[in-house]
Amino acid sequence: MPRHPAARSRSALAALLCAGIAAVAACAPADPTACALIFSTNDAHGRLLPAAQSWSDGRPVGGSAALAAYVSRERSATPECPLFVVSGGDIMQGTPISNFTDGRSMIEAMNGIGYDAVSIGNHEFDWGVDVLMERVADADFAMLGANIYLKDTDRHPEWVRPWTIVERDGVRVGFIGATTTSTPVVARPSLVADFDFRPISDALDRYIPEVRAAGVDFVVAVMHEGAFCDIGAEDEPGGACRGPALDALTVTTERFDYAVTGHTHSRVETEIQGVPVIQSYSNTTAYGLGRIDRSVEGAVSAQRLGIRQAWADEVAADPDVERLVAAYSAEIAAIVDRVIVDLPEALSAPRDGDFPLGRIVADAQRQASGADVALMNNGGIRRSLPAGPITFADLFELQPFNNMLVRHTMTGAQLLRTLEHSARDGDVDLHASGITVRYDPDAPLGERILDVTLDDGSPLRPEGRYVVTANDFIATGGGGYTVFAEAEVIDPLEVADLEALVAYLEAQPQPLPIPRAPRWIESRTP
């Protein structure tokens, strides 16, 4: 398996003499005490620049230069413990300053910050494996995916490292990275078809012994897999948090000392098997800090030091990273600063359900394609929009994936099955244009769509033929939307989702009329 150069000098001897023989004096460290600080982020999504958030009262939050300053601050605050910097993945995709360079600008900024290890996220695959391999080569840090295998083999792709060891000030920390097992569904399926994403617990159990045999003080799991905690759950370790990341750690049998998660853009502060687990929101708005100690008796303990807001106006920006970001920003300023539309009110990003912003996106795609119906997945709408002038940069962050539109000639029965899939979890995860759907979230699976009415007032006929537009993520099976592949005619268009949205918004009256009427109407059976 690939190893960090720092591991090589001791790995063979440690494996022969010390693996599993902790009581042998020759295997004990020269200095039995040790400590390490773990500075963690997750789901940065290309956020090189600070930005005000809906909750920040206009204050700028995050950005690479501010994050670099916080790394320096935390390192200086506890000089007796070396500090290691890690990410729970999804580092590049999401902003013009990153996407216009296929993530290269983000990697360079992370090199400047001093990252040590990153788990590969599902969005790392968005520009294809060839680009991802280039970014792996650009990184001064290890990009890890212990559960990523070449399909139907026991081998990792040659560019994937399952683990790395980083030594700093004499303290050696092993990092094992893993990627969400949902990647084949949440990434564009064609981009990950050559890989298997196997259970994270199996990967940890496979590699933790190998990392320990290579000679480390501590082992840290860094996962692009998520969880959610109820408000106040940090005071109830393990009791009010749930999610696949925690499920994986719970069934891991080998001992690990600290865990960083990602993917769900949430605040996670809990414990699994007595080990701290942390996730720090997203978009560099916050970072997590933890400490691992080994006592003179050799006992290892760890603690969360908390999730801390990364206010950009609270620190002096790191000058080197700031210059790097400014140079990339200047290259794209003329494009991204152009105002596209004026919003009379703020529009929230949808998670589940039917929202005005999603309706607008779906309307844009229907108009651009001339279809009867357009369907837009909620997961492709990545941010809220504030009231007032909206720039190209804002819209790019709203739809950053450059998904292309695809027209399908489908039967009404096929469209109904697609809508049923949207309602599979009770809430709906598609926005629609051209139809109004009445559904019962409590009805049996496959029977939740009660009726569908087209905008002209006619009912959807199962035997009818309809032109339905969707982006190429769901059109190729992303999100489990497999029915599109059964369409009688599949017509890929040379129109990107963002291109359609910009053209649509520029053609509307200003300020923009807001489509308020719901298109999914919940109708529970008495």
Protein backbone atom coordinates (compact mmCIF):
# COMPACT_ATOMS: atom_id res chain seq x y z
CA MET A 1 0.00 0.00 0.00
CA PRO A 2 1.24 3.56 -0.63
CA ARG A 3 2.99 5.17 2.33
CA HIS A 4 4.10 8.64 3.24
CA PRO A 5 7.92 8.88 3.06
CA ALA A 6 8.05 9.55 6.79
CA ALA A 7 6.68 6.07 7.42
CA ARG A 8 9.35 4.15 5.57
CA SER A 9 12.26 4.42 7.98
CA ARG A 10 10.45 2.70 10.84
CA SER A 11 7.72 0.68 9.20
CA ALA A 12 9.55 -2.59 8.53
CA LEU A 13 11.23 -2.71 11.94
CA ALA A 14 8.04 -1.74 13.72
CA ALA A 15 6.05 -4.36 11.88
CA LEU A 16 8.53 -7.09 12.81
CA LEU A 17 9.22 -6.15 16.41
CA CYS A 18 6.36 -4.13 17.78
CA ALA A 19 3.08 -5.03 16.07
CA GLY A 20 0.80 -6.24 18.81
CA ILE A 21 3.61 -6.40 21.45
CA ALA A 22 2.89 -3.25 23.42
CA ALA A 23 4.29 -4.71 26.63
CA VAL A 24 7.80 -5.20 25.22
CA ALA A 25 10.09 -2.45 26.52
CA ALA A 26 11.95 -2.16 23.22
CA CYS A 27 8.66 -1.27 21.53
CA ALA A 28 7.77 1.57 23.90
CA PRO A 29 8.39 5.12 22.58
CA ALA A 30 11.48 6.90 23.89
CA ASP A 31 9.20 9.59 25.30
CA PRO A 32 5.96 7.90 26.34
CA THR A 33 4.03 11.19 26.47
CA ALA A 34 2.81 12.85 23.31
CA CYS A 35 0.06 15.17 22.13
CA ALA A 36 -1.38 16.40 18.84
CA LEU A 37 -3.91 19.04 17.83
CA ILE A 38 -6.28 18.21 14.95
CA PHE A 39 -7.53 21.25 13.02
CA SER A 40 -10.32 20.15 10.69
CA THR A 41 -12.63 21.48 8.00
CA ASN A 42 -15.00 19.75 5.61
CA ASP A 43 -16.97 20.52 2.47
CA ALA A 44 -15.07 23.70 1.58
CA HIS A 45 -16.54 23.55 -1.95
CA GLY A 46 -14.03 25.96 -3.44
CA ARG A 47 -14.62 28.72 -0.89
CA LEU A 48 -11.37 30.63 -1.33
CA LEU A 49 -12.96 34.03 -0.69
CA PRO A 50 -14.71 35.16 2.50
CA ALA A 51 -18.43 35.79 2.20
CA ALA A 52 -21.27 37.11 4.30
CA GLN A 53 -23.79 34.44 5.25
CA SER A 54 -27.52 34.70 5.91
CA TRP A 55 -26.80 34.30 9.64
CA SER A 56 -23.67 36.49 9.88
CA ASP A 57 -25.30 39.96 9.96
CA GLY A 58 -23.16 41.10 7.05
CA ARG A 59 -19.86 39.96 8.56
CA PRO A 60 -17.53 38.08 6.20
CA VAL A 61 -16.89 34.47 7.12
CA GLY A 62 -14.31 31.98 5.97
CA GLY A 63 -12.03 32.05 2.97
CA SER A 64 -8.60 30.52 2.56
CA ALA A 65 -6.55 33.47 3.80
CA ALA A 66 -8.57 33.70 7.01
CA LEU A 67 -8.39 29.94 7.51
CA ALA A 68 -4.59 30.05 7.18
CA ALA A 69 -4.52 32.73 9.88
CA TYR A 70 -6.62 30.58 12.20
CA VAL A 71 -4.25 27.66 11.66
CA SER A 72 -1.35 29.88 12.72
CA ARG A 73 -3.29 31.18 15.72
CA GLU A 74 -4.20 27.71 16.99
CA ARG A 75 -0.67 26.44 16.41
CA SER A 76 0.78 29.32 18.44
CA ALA A 77 -1.76 28.97 21.23
CA THR A 78 -0.59 25.45 22.12
CA PRO A 79 3.06 25.23 21.06
CA GLU A 80 3.69 22.08 23.11
CA CYS A 81 1.44 20.06 20.75
CA PRO A 82 2.11 19.90 17.00
CA LEU A 83 -0.93 20.82 14.93
CA PHE A 84 -2.17 18.77 11.97
CA VAL A 85 -4.64 20.10 9.38
CA VAL A 86 -7.19 17.81 7.71
CA SER A 87 -10.37 17.99 5.64
CA GLY A 88 -13.39 15.73 5.38
CA GLY A 89 -13.53 16.18 1.60
CA ASP A 90 -15.51 17.93 -1.16
CA ILE A 91 -12.81 20.56 -1.30
CA MET A 92 -12.91 21.99 -4.84
CA GLN A 93 -16.36 22.09 -6.45
CA GLY A 94 -18.65 25.06 -5.98
CA THR A 95 -17.35 28.58 -6.78
CA PRO A 96 -16.15 30.31 -9.96
CA ILE A 97 -12.68 30.99 -8.55
CA SER A 98 -12.18 27.27 -8.03
CA ASN A 99 -14.25 25.79 -10.85
CA PHE A 100 -12.77 27.99 -13.57
CA THR A 101 -9.42 26.30 -12.83
CA ASP A 102 -10.86 22.79 -12.31
CA GLY A 103 -9.97 23.13 -8.64
CA ARG A 104 -6.30 24.01 -9.09
CA SER A 105 -6.66 27.33 -7.28
CA MET A 106 -8.20 25.59 -4.28
CA ILE A 107 -5.41 23.02 -4.11
CA GLU A 108 -2.78 25.79 -4.22
CA ALA A 109 -4.54 27.64 -1.41
CA MET A 110 -4.73 24.48 0.68
CA ASN A 111 -1.03 23.93 0.08
CA GLY A 112 -0.47 27.43 1.45
CA ILE A 113 -2.64 26.75 4.49
CA GLY A 114 -0.65 23.61 5.20
CA TYR A 115 -3.14 20.75 4.94
CA ASP A 116 -1.77 17.32 5.77
CA ALA A 117 -4.54 14.93 4.71
CA VAL A 118 -7.91 15.09 2.94
CA SER A 119 -10.53 12.42 2.38
CA ILE A 120 -11.67 12.23 -1.23
CA GLY A 121 -15.25 13.49 -1.51
CA ASN A 122 -17.88 12.53 -4.05
CA HIS A 123 -17.61 15.96 -5.70
CA GLU A 124 -13.89 15.45 -6.28
CA PHE A 125 -15.00 13.30 -9.24
CA ASP A 126 -17.10 16.05 -10.87
CA TRP A 127 -14.55 16.94 -13.57
CA GLY A 128 -13.57 13.35 -14.30
CA VAL A 129 -10.80 11.11 -13.07
CA ASP A 130 -8.12 12.62 -15.29
CA VAL A 131 -8.61 16.05 -13.70
CA LEU A 132 -8.78 14.51 -10.23
CA MET A 133 -5.46 12.78 -10.86
CA GLU A 134 -3.95 16.14 -11.82
CA ARG A 135 -5.19 17.71 -8.59
CA VAL A 136 -3.84 14.79 -6.56
CA ALA A 137 -0.46 15.42 -8.17
CA ASP A 138 -0.70 19.16 -7.43
CA ALA A 139 -1.44 18.64 -3.73
CA ASP A 140 1.29 18.83 -1.10
CA PHE A 141 -1.05 16.82 1.12
CA ALA A 142 -2.36 13.27 0.84
CA MET A 143 -5.79 12.71 -0.73
CA LEU A 144 -7.13 9.51 0.79
CA GLY A 145 -9.75 6.91 -0.11
CA ALA A 146 -9.23 3.62 1.71
CA ASN A 147 -12.61 2.27 0.60
CA ILE A 148 -12.24 3.16 -3.11
CA TYR A 149 -11.44 0.07 -5.19
CA LEU A 150 -11.18 -0.69 -8.85
CA LYS A 151 -14.47 -2.37 -9.64
CA ASP A 152 -14.60 -6.06 -8.79
CA THR A 153 -11.01 -6.14 -7.53
CA ASP A 154 -9.16 -5.84 -4.24
CA ARG A 155 -6.94 -3.09 -5.63
CA HIS A 156 -7.13 0.66 -5.23
CA PRO A 157 -6.70 2.94 -8.24
CA GLU A 158 -3.01 3.81 -8.53
CA TRP A 159 -3.69 7.47 -7.68
CA VAL A 160 -5.59 6.65 -4.46
CA ARG A 161 -3.76 6.36 -1.15
CA PRO A 162 -5.65 4.62 1.66
CA TRP A 163 -3.58 6.21 4.41
CA THR A 164 -0.66 8.45 5.20
CA ILE A 165 1.59 9.15 8.18
CA VAL A 166 2.64 12.70 9.00
CA GLU A 167 5.41 13.40 11.49
CA ARG A 168 5.71 16.81 13.12
CA ASP A 169 7.92 17.72 16.06
CA GLY A 170 8.54 14.05 16.66
CA VAL A 171 4.84 13.13 16.84
CA ARG A 172 3.61 10.70 14.20
CA VAL A 173 -0.08 10.67 13.28
CA GLY A 174 -1.61 8.18 10.87
CA PHE A 175 -4.59 9.37 8.82
CA ILE A 176 -6.94 6.92 7.08
CA GLY A 177 -9.38 8.45 4.59
CA ALA A 178 -12.69 7.16 3.26
CA THR A 179 -15.45 8.27 0.90
CA THR A 180 -19.22 8.02 1.19
CA THR A 181 -20.56 4.71 -0.06
CA SER A 182 -23.38 6.68 -1.72
CA THR A 183 -20.94 8.10 -4.29
CA PRO A 184 -22.29 5.97 -7.18
CA VAL A 185 -25.67 7.65 -6.63
CA VAL A 186 -24.74 11.20 -5.56
CA ALA A 187 -21.95 11.60 -8.15
CA ARG A 188 -22.61 11.49 -11.86
CA PRO A 189 -22.76 7.71 -12.35
CA SER A 190 -20.66 7.65 -15.54
CA LEU A 191 -17.74 9.33 -13.77
CA VAL A 192 -17.44 6.70 -11.04
CA ALA A 193 -18.52 3.59 -12.95
CA ASP A 194 -15.03 2.06 -12.74
CA PHE A 195 -14.94 2.06 -8.94
CA ASP A 196 -16.50 0.35 -5.96
CA PHE A 197 -17.08 2.34 -2.77
CA ARG A 198 -17.07 -0.33 -0.09
CA PRO A 199 -18.03 -0.17 3.59
CA ILE A 200 -15.99 2.34 5.52
CA SER A 201 -15.79 0.16 8.61
CA ASP A 202 -14.15 -2.61 6.56
CA ALA A 203 -11.57 -0.15 5.21
CA LEU A 204 -10.75 1.13 8.70
CA ASP A 205 -10.45 -2.37 10.08
CA ARG A 206 -8.17 -3.31 7.19
CA TYR A 207 -5.79 -0.37 7.49
CA ILE A 208 -5.68 0.66 11.15
CA PRO A 209 -3.45 -2.35 12.02
CA GLU A 210 -1.19 -1.55 9.07
CA VAL A 211 -0.85 2.08 10.12
CA ARG A 212 -0.13 1.15 13.73
CA ALA A 213 2.46 -1.40 12.59
CA ALA A 214 4.18 1.39 10.66
CA GLY A 215 4.82 3.16 13.95
CA VAL A 216 2.48 5.99 14.94
CA ASP A 217 1.46 7.77 18.09
CA PHE A 218 -2.17 8.26 17.06
CA VAL A 219 -4.64 7.16 14.38
CA VAL A 220 -7.25 9.55 12.94
CA ALA A 221 -10.13 8.57 10.64
CA VAL A 222 -10.97 11.27 8.08
CA MET A 223 -14.22 10.49 6.31
CA HIS A 224 -16.34 12.05 3.62
CA GLU A 225 -19.41 10.54 5.16
CA GLY A 226 -21.95 12.36 7.25
CA ALA A 227 -24.21 12.59 10.22
CA PHE A 228 -26.58 14.99 11.94
CA CYS A 229 -26.86 15.96 15.60
CA ASP A 230 -29.87 17.52 17.25
CA ILE A 231 -29.37 20.97 18.79
CA GLY A 232 -27.61 20.53 22.10
CA ALA A 233 -26.47 17.02 21.21
CA GLU A 234 -22.86 17.92 22.03
CA ASP A 235 -23.91 17.68 25.67
CA GLU A 236 -25.26 14.16 25.12
CA PRO A 237 -22.40 12.24 23.49
CA GLY A 238 -23.77 9.76 20.98
CA GLY A 239 -27.34 10.12 22.21
CA ALA A 240 -28.85 12.59 19.76
CA CYS A 241 -26.68 12.13 16.68
CA ARG A 242 -27.23 9.73 13.80
CA GLY A 243 -26.03 9.03 10.31
CA PRO A 244 -23.96 6.65 8.19
CA ALA A 245 -20.63 8.04 9.40
CA LEU A 246 -21.51 7.17 12.97
CA ASP A 247 -22.91 3.80 11.92
CA ALA A 248 -19.58 2.98 10.25
CA LEU A 249 -17.52 4.03 13.25
CA THR A 250 -19.76 2.09 15.62
CA VAL A 251 -19.05 -1.23 13.90
CA THR A 252 -15.33 -0.58 13.38
CA THR A 253 -13.51 -3.08 15.58
CA GLU A 254 -9.98 -1.66 15.41
CA ARG A 255 -9.12 1.18 17.78
CA PHE A 256 -8.93 4.72 16.38
CA ASP A 257 -8.23 7.87 18.38
CA TYR A 258 -10.18 10.67 16.67
CA ALA A 259 -12.57 11.02 13.72
CA VAL A 260 -13.44 13.84 11.31
CA THR A 261 -16.55 13.54 9.12
CA GLY A 262 -18.11 15.53 6.27
CA HIS A 263 -20.66 15.37 3.43
CA THR A 264 -23.74 16.53 5.37
CA HIS A 265 -22.59 20.15 5.91
CA SER A 266 -23.67 19.85 9.52
CA ARG A 267 -22.38 20.42 13.03
CA VAL A 268 -21.38 17.10 14.56
CA GLU A 269 -19.90 16.87 18.05
CA THR A 270 -20.30 13.46 19.58
CA GLU A 271 -18.46 10.33 20.66
CA ILE A 272 -18.40 6.82 19.25
CA GLN A 273 -16.77 4.07 21.29
CA GLY A 274 -15.53 6.82 23.59
CA VAL A 275 -13.72 8.57 20.70
CA PRO A 276 -14.49 12.17 19.67
CA VAL A 277 -16.18 12.70 16.30
CA ILE A 278 -16.41 16.16 14.75
CA GLN A 279 -17.79 17.90 11.64
CA SER A 280 -17.72 21.67 11.14
CA TYR A 281 -20.56 22.86 8.88
CA SER A 282 -19.20 23.74 5.39
CA ASN A 283 -17.77 26.39 3.05
CA THR A 284 -14.89 27.25 5.45
CA THR A 285 -17.33 29.07 7.74
CA ALA A 286 -16.00 27.13 10.74
CA TYR A 287 -13.30 24.71 11.79
CA GLY A 288 -13.06 21.96 14.35
CA LEU A 289 -10.30 21.57 16.88
CA GLY A 290 -9.42 18.52 18.93
CA ARG A 291 -6.55 17.25 21.02
CA ILE A 292 -5.13 13.74 21.42
CA ASP A 293 -2.83 12.89 24.35
CA ARG A 294 -0.79 9.91 25.44
CA SER A 295 0.00 9.79 29.15
CA VAL A 296 3.24 8.65 30.77
CA GLU A 297 1.53 5.30 31.37
CA GLY A 298 0.81 5.02 27.62
CA ALA A 299 -2.95 5.60 27.82
CA VAL A 300 -4.40 7.53 24.86
CA SER A 301 -7.27 9.98 25.34
CA ALA A 302 -8.82 12.58 23.05
CA GLN A 303 -11.16 15.50 23.42
CA ARG A 304 -13.03 17.92 21.23
CA LEU A 305 -11.96 21.48 21.85
CA GLY A 306 -14.95 22.72 19.89
CA ILE A 307 -16.20 24.06 16.59
CA ARG A 308 -15.11 27.65 16.07
CA GLN A 309 -16.47 30.25 13.71
CA ALA A 310 -13.95 31.43 11.11
CA TRP A 311 -14.78 35.16 11.11
CA ALA A 312 -12.71 36.76 8.35
CA ASP A 313 -12.65 40.13 10.13
CA GLU A 314 -11.36 38.67 13.39
CA VAL A 315 -7.88 37.74 12.14
CA ALA A 316 -5.23 39.31 9.93
CA ALA A 317 -5.39 37.39 6.66
CA ASP A 318 -2.36 35.29 5.83
CA PRO A 319 -0.53 37.51 3.29
CA ASP A 320 0.79 34.74 1.04
CA VAL A 321 -2.55 32.97 0.73
CA GLU A 322 -4.31 36.32 0.35
CA ARG A 323 -2.06 37.24 -2.60
CA LEU A 324 -2.71 33.88 -4.24
CA VAL A 325 -6.48 34.23 -3.90
CA ALA A 326 -6.42 37.86 -5.08
CA ALA A 327 -4.56 36.89 -8.24
CA TYR A 328 -7.08 34.21 -9.15
CA SER A 329 -9.98 36.49 -8.22
CA ALA A 330 -8.75 39.27 -10.50
CA GLU A 331 -8.69 36.89 -13.47
CA ILE A 332 -12.43 36.28 -13.32
CA ALA A 333 -13.76 39.55 -11.86
CA ALA A 334 -15.25 40.89 -15.10
CA ILE A 335 -17.30 37.72 -15.56
CA VAL A 336 -18.50 37.03 -12.06
CA ASP A 337 -19.33 40.57 -10.93
CA ARG A 338 -21.96 41.15 -13.63
CA VAL A 339 -25.46 41.66 -12.17
CA ILE A 340 -28.01 39.29 -13.72
CA VAL A 341 -31.25 39.89 -11.82
CA ASP A 342 -32.80 41.89 -9.00
CA LEU A 343 -34.66 39.83 -6.39
CA PRO A 344 -37.47 41.47 -4.42
CA GLU A 345 -36.94 39.03 -1.54
CA ALA A 346 -34.52 36.39 -0.31
CA LEU A 347 -35.02 32.88 -1.69
CA SER A 348 -34.08 29.83 0.36
CA ALA A 349 -32.30 26.83 -1.09
CA PRO A 350 -34.53 23.75 -1.00
CA ARG A 351 -33.58 20.61 0.87
CA ASP A 352 -36.81 18.63 0.67
CA GLY A 353 -40.11 19.95 -0.61
CA ASP A 354 -41.27 22.59 -3.06
CA PHE A 355 -39.68 26.10 -2.96
CA PRO A 356 -39.91 29.21 -5.18
CA LEU A 357 -36.20 29.08 -6.01
CA GLY A 358 -36.50 25.52 -7.31
CA ARG A 359 -39.54 26.46 -9.36
CA ILE A 360 -37.56 29.28 -10.99
CA VAL A 361 -34.73 26.90 -11.91
CA ALA A 362 -37.15 24.36 -13.35
CA ASP A 363 -38.98 27.08 -15.33
CA ALA A 364 -35.66 28.19 -16.82
CA GLN A 365 -34.86 24.68 -17.99
CA ARG A 366 -38.28 24.14 -19.50
CA GLN A 367 -38.04 27.40 -21.42
CA ALA A 368 -34.52 26.68 -22.64
CA SER A 369 -35.49 23.24 -23.91
CA GLY A 370 -39.02 23.84 -25.18
CA ALA A 371 -40.25 20.83 -23.22
CA ASP A 372 -43.67 20.07 -21.82
CA VAL A 373 -42.21 19.37 -18.38
CA ALA A 374 -38.91 20.09 -16.64
CA LEU A 375 -37.69 18.33 -13.50
CA MET A 376 -34.86 19.67 -11.33
CA ASN A 377 -33.27 17.78 -8.43
CA ASN A 378 -33.05 19.73 -5.18
CA GLY A 379 -29.48 18.57 -4.57
CA GLY A 380 -28.33 20.55 -7.61
CA ILE A 381 -29.49 23.84 -6.05
CA ARG A 382 -26.57 24.64 -3.80
CA ARG A 383 -27.28 27.92 -2.02
CA SER A 384 -29.88 30.49 -1.05
CA LEU A 385 -30.06 33.91 -2.70
CA PRO A 386 -30.39 37.22 -0.85
CA ALA A 387 -32.76 40.02 -1.80
CA GLY A 388 -31.36 42.63 -4.16
CA PRO A 389 -28.88 42.45 -7.05
CA ILE A 390 -27.74 38.92 -7.90
CA THR A 391 -24.48 38.48 -9.78
CA PHE A 392 -23.21 35.77 -12.08
CA ALA A 393 -21.03 34.59 -9.19
CA ASP A 394 -24.13 34.11 -7.02
CA LEU A 395 -25.84 32.07 -9.71
CA PHE A 396 -22.70 30.04 -10.36
CA GLU A 397 -22.64 29.02 -6.71
CA LEU A 398 -26.32 28.19 -7.01
CA GLN A 399 -25.66 25.80 -9.93
CA PRO A 400 -21.93 25.06 -10.04
CA PHE A 401 -21.88 21.62 -11.65
CA ASN A 402 -22.19 22.54 -15.34
CA ASN A 403 -24.86 19.90 -15.83
CA MET A 404 -26.14 19.74 -19.39
CA LEU A 405 -29.83 19.56 -20.20
CA VAL A 406 -31.33 16.44 -21.79
CA ARG A 407 -34.76 16.13 -23.40
CA HIS A 408 -36.65 12.86 -23.14
CA THR A 409 -39.75 11.71 -24.97
CA MET A 410 -41.49 9.66 -22.27
CA THR A 411 -44.81 8.06 -21.68
CA GLY A 412 -47.05 9.43 -18.98
CA ALA A 413 -46.54 6.16 -17.10
CA GLN A 414 -42.76 6.66 -17.13
CA LEU A 415 -43.15 10.22 -15.88
CA LEU A 416 -45.42 8.99 -13.08
CA ARG A 417 -42.78 6.45 -12.00
CA THR A 418 -40.20 9.24 -11.94
CA LEU A 419 -42.44 11.38 -9.76
CA GLU A 420 -43.07 8.40 -7.48
CA HIS A 421 -39.31 8.07 -6.98
CA SER A 422 -39.18 11.73 -5.96
CA ALA A 423 -41.78 11.06 -3.24
CA ARG A 424 -40.15 7.84 -2.03
CA ASP A 425 -39.12 9.29 1.36
CA GLY A 426 -42.32 11.22 2.01
CA ASP A 427 -40.85 14.61 1.18
CA VAL A 428 -40.12 15.31 -2.49
CA ASP A 429 -36.69 15.99 -3.96
CA LEU A 430 -37.61 17.25 -7.44
CA HIS A 431 -38.92 20.62 -8.52
CA ALA A 432 -41.27 20.66 -11.48
CA SER A 433 -42.23 23.05 -14.24
CA GLY A 434 -45.23 22.49 -16.50
CA ILE A 435 -47.18 20.28 -14.09
CA THR A 436 -48.87 20.32 -10.71
CA VAL A 437 -48.61 17.12 -8.68
CA ARG A 438 -50.97 16.06 -5.92
CA TYR A 439 -49.51 13.38 -3.65
CA ASP A 440 -50.03 11.53 -0.38
CA PRO A 441 -46.74 11.02 1.53
CA ASP A 442 -48.38 8.37 3.73
CA ALA A 443 -49.58 6.15 0.90
CA PRO A 444 -47.69 2.94 0.04
CA LEU A 445 -44.57 3.26 -2.07
CA GLY A 446 -45.49 3.42 -5.72
CA GLU A 447 -48.95 4.75 -4.96
CA ARG A 448 -48.17 8.20 -3.59
CA ILE A 449 -48.88 10.25 -6.71
CA LEU A 450 -52.63 10.88 -6.71
CA ASP A 451 -52.88 12.89 -9.90
CA VAL A 452 -50.83 15.12 -12.20
CA THR A 453 -52.21 18.12 -14.09
CA LEU A 454 -50.42 19.89 -16.94
CA ASP A 455 -50.32 23.67 -17.08
CA ASP A 456 -53.01 23.69 -19.78
CA GLY A 457 -55.39 22.01 -17.33
CA SER A 458 -55.34 18.56 -18.91
CA PRO A 459 -54.61 15.48 -16.81
CA LEU A 460 -51.47 13.45 -17.37
CA ARG A 461 -52.40 10.34 -19.38
CA PRO A 462 -50.32 7.20 -18.73
CA GLU A 463 -50.46 6.31 -22.44
CA GLY A 464 -49.62 9.87 -23.55
CA ARG A 465 -46.25 11.06 -24.90
CA TYR A 466 -44.52 14.02 -23.23
CA VAL A 467 -41.22 15.83 -23.68
CA VAL A 468 -39.48 15.99 -20.30
CA THR A 469 -36.24 17.88 -19.64
CA ALA A 470 -33.81 17.01 -16.87
CA ASN A 471 -30.15 17.69 -16.23
CA ASP A 472 -27.66 14.99 -17.16
CA PHE A 473 -27.03 14.06 -13.51
CA ILE A 474 -30.50 12.61 -12.94
CA ALA A 475 -30.93 11.79 -16.63
CA THR A 476 -28.10 9.27 -16.34
CA GLY A 477 -29.36 7.69 -13.11
CA GLY A 478 -28.04 10.04 -10.43
CA GLY A 479 -30.18 10.06 -7.33
CA GLY A 480 -31.62 6.70 -8.41
CA TYR A 481 -33.59 8.25 -11.29
CA THR A 482 -33.26 5.29 -13.64
CA VAL A 483 -36.53 5.66 -15.56
CA PHE A 484 -35.09 8.34 -17.86
CA ALA A 485 -33.00 5.64 -19.52
CA GLU A 486 -36.25 3.99 -20.71
CA ALA A 487 -37.38 7.05 -22.69
CA GLU A 488 -38.30 6.51 -26.34
CA VAL A 489 -36.12 9.43 -27.44
CA ILE A 490 -33.15 10.85 -25.50
CA ASP A 491 -31.92 14.16 -26.89
CA PRO A 492 -28.83 15.72 -25.19
CA LEU A 493 -28.82 19.49 -25.61
CA GLU A 494 -25.84 21.82 -25.88
CA VAL A 495 -27.26 23.92 -23.04
CA ALA A 496 -25.85 23.95 -19.50
CA ASP A 497 -28.16 24.44 -16.54
CA LEU A 498 -26.49 27.70 -15.51
CA GLU A 499 -26.63 29.02 -19.07
CA ALA A 500 -30.38 28.34 -19.14
CA LEU A 501 -30.90 30.04 -15.79
CA VAL A 502 -28.95 33.19 -16.70
CA ALA A 503 -30.78 33.58 -20.02
CA TYR A 504 -34.16 33.06 -18.35
CA LEU A 505 -33.53 35.56 -15.55
CA GLU A 506 -32.19 38.24 -17.89
CA ALA A 507 -35.39 37.99 -19.95
CA GLN A 508 -37.75 38.43 -16.97
CA PRO A 509 -39.22 41.70 -15.66
CA GLN A 510 -37.19 43.34 -12.91
CA PRO A 511 -37.50 42.85 -10.02
CA LEU A 512 -38.12 39.19 -10.69
CA PRO A 513 -41.72 37.90 -10.24
CA ILE A 514 -41.69 35.07 -7.70
CA PRO A 515 -43.67 31.88 -8.54
CA ARG A 516 -45.52 31.35 -5.26
CA ALA A 517 -48.10 28.71 -6.17
CA PRO A 518 -47.01 25.23 -5.02
CA ARG A 519 -46.51 22.60 -7.69
CA TRP A 520 -46.41 19.65 -5.30
CA ILE A 521 -49.58 19.63 -3.24
CA GLU A 522 -49.71 17.36 -0.22
CA SER A 523 -53.07 15.66 0.09
CA ARG A 524 -53.21 13.09 2.87
CA THR A 525 -55.93 10.44 2.74
CA PRO A 526 -58.26 10.68 5.79
